[in-house]
Amino acid sequence: MASITFITGGCRSGKSSKAESLCLSSPGPHHYLATATAFDEGMKRRIESHKKQREASNWNNIEEPLDILEAIESIKEGSVLLECITLWINNLMWEAEQNKQELNEEIINQKTQELIDAMRASTCHFFIVSNETGLGIMPMNAQARLFGDLAGRCNQLLAKSADRAILMVSGLALELKDV
């Protein structure tokens, strides 16, 4: 039976390490679904560093910045770490901007519900990482506000649908929900 664990927190809060640990302690094979894209040299180095770290644990690495639904539907067994939702939203925003399209809360709600439905239809165990963006101040520019709104809405839907939700703060886990 599928399960969903949602792990959120701020930058460098320990959410990735916690998600990796939980995923690796779940049934294999272990799939790492990464949404990051290398927009600059710094991000490229960061991605390569993360790949090398995961090699020792024999992750099945899947890099998919946009169509995570298709990637999830292609995985037939084991446990899946999806990292991260906020980078996925960033990628969707960038794609929409490049194509002169709108990405709004209604669209993100639909995409998030499709993601939840795909995870629930699976037999895999899912560990979803997302940044908590709602603890800071209201950004001054429209794009940053939109990003916060979309990430916040997506996080709410995922946390509500999850079997377990964890908030990471300073490397410590706070259980928000465990059904």
Protein backbone atom coordinates (compact mmCIF):
# COMPACT_ATOMS: atom_id res chain seq x y z
CA MET A 1 0.00 0.00 0.00
CA ALA A 2 1.31 3.44 -0.93
CA SER A 3 2.36 5.88 1.75
CA ILE A 4 3.27 9.55 1.58
CA THR A 5 5.65 11.31 3.97
CA PHE A 6 5.93 15.09 3.54
CA ILE A 7 9.10 16.72 4.88
CA THR A 8 9.39 20.49 4.98
CA GLY A 9 11.63 23.09 6.55
CA GLY A 10 13.82 26.05 5.76
CA CYS A 11 17.11 26.19 3.91
CA ARG A 12 19.69 23.85 5.46
CA SER A 13 17.19 22.65 8.05
CA GLY A 14 18.11 18.97 7.56
CA LYS A 15 15.07 18.02 5.48
CA SER A 16 17.06 16.31 2.71
CA SER A 17 19.11 14.19 5.12
CA LYS A 18 15.96 13.20 7.01
CA ALA A 19 14.16 12.28 3.78
CA GLU A 20 17.11 10.21 2.55
CA SER A 21 17.35 8.37 5.86
CA LEU A 22 13.63 7.61 5.94
CA CYS A 23 13.57 6.52 2.31
CA LEU A 24 16.60 4.24 2.68
CA SER A 25 14.98 2.56 5.70
CA SER A 26 11.91 1.76 3.56
CA PRO A 27 11.61 -1.11 1.08
CA GLY A 28 13.82 -0.92 -2.03
CA PRO A 29 14.67 -0.33 -4.69
CA HIS A 30 15.28 3.31 -3.81
CA HIS A 31 14.50 5.96 -6.41
CA TYR A 32 15.70 9.56 -6.19
CA LEU A 33 13.49 11.81 -8.30
CA ALA A 34 15.38 15.10 -8.60
CA THR A 35 13.77 18.25 -9.97
CA ALA A 36 16.82 20.53 -9.86
CA THR A 37 18.09 22.17 -13.04
CA ALA A 38 21.56 23.65 -13.52
CA PHE A 39 20.83 27.27 -14.38
CA ASP A 40 24.37 28.33 -13.44
CA GLU A 41 27.79 26.84 -12.59
CA GLY A 42 27.13 26.91 -8.84
CA MET A 43 23.96 24.87 -9.22
CA LYS A 44 25.72 22.50 -11.61
CA ARG A 45 28.41 21.82 -8.98
CA ARG A 46 25.77 21.36 -6.29
CA ILE A 47 23.86 18.81 -8.41
CA GLU A 48 27.04 16.87 -9.21
CA SER A 49 27.98 16.81 -5.51
CA HIS A 50 24.55 15.45 -4.58
CA LYS A 51 24.79 12.75 -7.28
CA LYS A 52 28.17 11.59 -5.94
CA GLN A 53 26.78 11.44 -2.40
CA ARG A 54 23.91 9.23 -3.54
CA GLU A 55 26.08 6.84 -5.59
CA ALA A 56 27.29 5.12 -2.41
CA SER A 57 23.71 4.27 -1.44
CA ASN A 58 22.80 2.81 -4.85
CA TRP A 59 19.96 5.19 -5.63
CA ASN A 60 18.19 4.88 -8.94
CA ASN A 61 18.57 8.54 -9.99
CA ILE A 62 15.83 10.08 -12.10
CA GLU A 63 16.22 13.70 -13.14
CA GLU A 64 12.95 15.29 -14.18
CA PRO A 65 12.50 19.03 -13.70
CA LEU A 66 8.90 19.26 -14.99
CA ASP A 67 7.00 16.03 -15.69
CA ILE A 68 7.28 14.38 -12.29
CA LEU A 69 3.88 12.75 -12.76
CA GLU A 70 5.15 10.68 -15.67
CA ALA A 71 8.28 9.76 -13.74
CA ILE A 72 6.23 8.61 -10.72
CA GLU A 73 3.92 6.53 -12.91
CA SER A 74 6.96 4.78 -14.43
CA ILE A 75 8.23 3.56 -11.02
CA LYS A 76 6.62 0.25 -10.18
CA GLU A 77 8.11 -0.70 -6.80
CA GLY A 78 10.13 0.45 -3.83
CA SER A 79 10.51 3.85 -2.27
CA VAL A 80 10.75 7.25 -3.95
CA LEU A 81 12.37 10.41 -2.65
CA LEU A 82 11.05 13.42 -4.56
CA GLU A 83 13.29 16.46 -4.10
CA CYS A 84 12.09 19.02 -4.26
CA ILE A 85 8.62 20.48 -4.72
CA THR A 86 9.75 24.11 -4.58
CA LEU A 87 12.29 23.57 -7.36
CA TRP A 88 9.54 21.88 -9.39
CA ILE A 89 7.33 24.95 -8.90
CA ASN A 90 10.26 27.19 -9.86
CA ASN A 91 10.71 25.15 -13.04
CA LEU A 92 7.00 25.35 -13.85
CA MET A 93 7.06 29.12 -13.35
CA TRP A 94 10.11 29.48 -15.61
CA GLU A 95 8.53 27.31 -18.31
CA ALA A 96 5.28 29.27 -18.16
CA GLU A 97 7.17 32.55 -18.41
CA GLN A 98 9.20 31.31 -21.40
CA ASN A 99 6.00 30.27 -23.16
CA LYS A 100 4.16 33.46 -22.17
CA GLN A 101 1.63 31.42 -20.19
CA GLU A 102 0.12 31.93 -16.77
CA LEU A 103 0.80 29.72 -13.78
CA ASN A 104 -1.64 30.43 -10.96
CA GLU A 105 -2.98 28.77 -7.82
CA GLU A 106 -5.77 27.00 -9.71
CA ILE A 107 -3.23 25.37 -12.05
CA ILE A 108 -0.87 24.43 -9.20
CA ASN A 109 -3.81 22.97 -7.26
CA GLN A 110 -4.66 20.78 -10.26
CA LYS A 111 -1.06 19.68 -10.82
CA THR A 112 -0.64 18.93 -7.12
CA GLN A 113 -3.86 16.90 -6.98
CA GLU A 114 -2.71 14.91 -10.03
CA LEU A 115 0.59 14.25 -8.23
CA ILE A 116 -1.23 13.11 -5.08
CA ASP A 117 -3.54 10.86 -7.13
CA ALA A 118 -0.55 9.27 -8.90
CA MET A 119 1.19 8.58 -5.58
CA ARG A 120 -1.99 7.12 -4.09
CA ALA A 121 -2.44 4.86 -7.15
CA SER A 122 1.10 3.52 -6.72
CA THR A 123 2.36 0.77 -4.44
CA CYS A 124 5.50 2.77 -3.63
CA HIS A 125 6.41 4.69 -0.49
CA PHE A 126 6.94 8.39 -1.20
CA PHE A 127 9.09 10.91 0.66
CA ILE A 128 8.40 14.43 -0.55
CA VAL A 129 10.79 17.29 0.26
CA SER A 130 9.66 20.91 0.05
CA ASN A 131 10.89 24.22 1.41
CA GLU A 132 8.68 26.01 3.90
CA THR A 133 8.44 29.47 2.34
CA GLY A 134 5.75 30.91 4.57
CA LEU A 135 7.89 31.85 7.56
CA GLY A 136 9.52 34.92 6.03
CA ILE A 137 8.33 38.38 5.15
CA MET A 138 6.08 39.17 2.19
CA PRO A 139 8.38 39.69 -0.82
CA MET A 140 8.35 43.03 -2.61
CA ASN A 141 8.23 41.76 -6.20
CA ALA A 142 5.29 40.05 -7.89
CA GLN A 143 7.19 36.93 -9.07
CA ALA A 144 8.51 36.22 -5.58
CA ARG A 145 5.02 36.67 -4.09
CA LEU A 146 3.56 34.34 -6.72
CA PHE A 147 6.23 31.74 -5.96
CA GLY A 148 5.43 31.92 -2.24
CA ASP A 149 1.71 31.62 -2.93
CA LEU A 150 2.15 28.63 -5.26
CA ALA A 151 4.60 26.85 -2.95
CA GLY A 152 2.39 27.49 0.07
CA ARG A 153 -0.72 26.17 -1.66
CA CYS A 154 1.11 23.08 -2.95
CA ASN A 155 2.65 22.39 0.48
CA GLN A 156 -0.75 22.63 2.15
CA LEU A 157 -2.31 20.13 -0.24
CA LEU A 158 0.59 17.69 0.06
CA ALA A 159 0.73 17.91 3.86
CA LYS A 160 -3.03 17.40 4.12
CA SER A 161 -2.87 14.32 1.87
CA ALA A 162 0.24 12.86 3.48
CA ASP A 163 0.15 10.01 5.95
CA ARG A 164 3.00 11.66 7.82
CA ALA A 165 4.28 15.25 7.88
CA ILE A 166 7.55 16.42 9.41
CA LEU A 167 8.90 19.93 9.97
CA MET A 168 12.69 20.14 10.14
CA VAL A 169 14.27 22.93 12.18
CA SER A 170 18.01 23.12 12.85
CA GLY A 171 18.42 19.42 12.10
CA LEU A 172 15.63 18.40 14.46
CA ALA A 173 12.41 16.75 13.35
CA LEU A 174 9.04 17.91 14.61
CA GLU A 175 6.27 15.43 13.81
CA LEU A 176 3.29 17.41 12.54
CA LYS A 177 1.17 14.45 11.55
CA ASP A 178 1.44 10.65 11.71
CA VAL A 179 -1.70 8.81 10.65
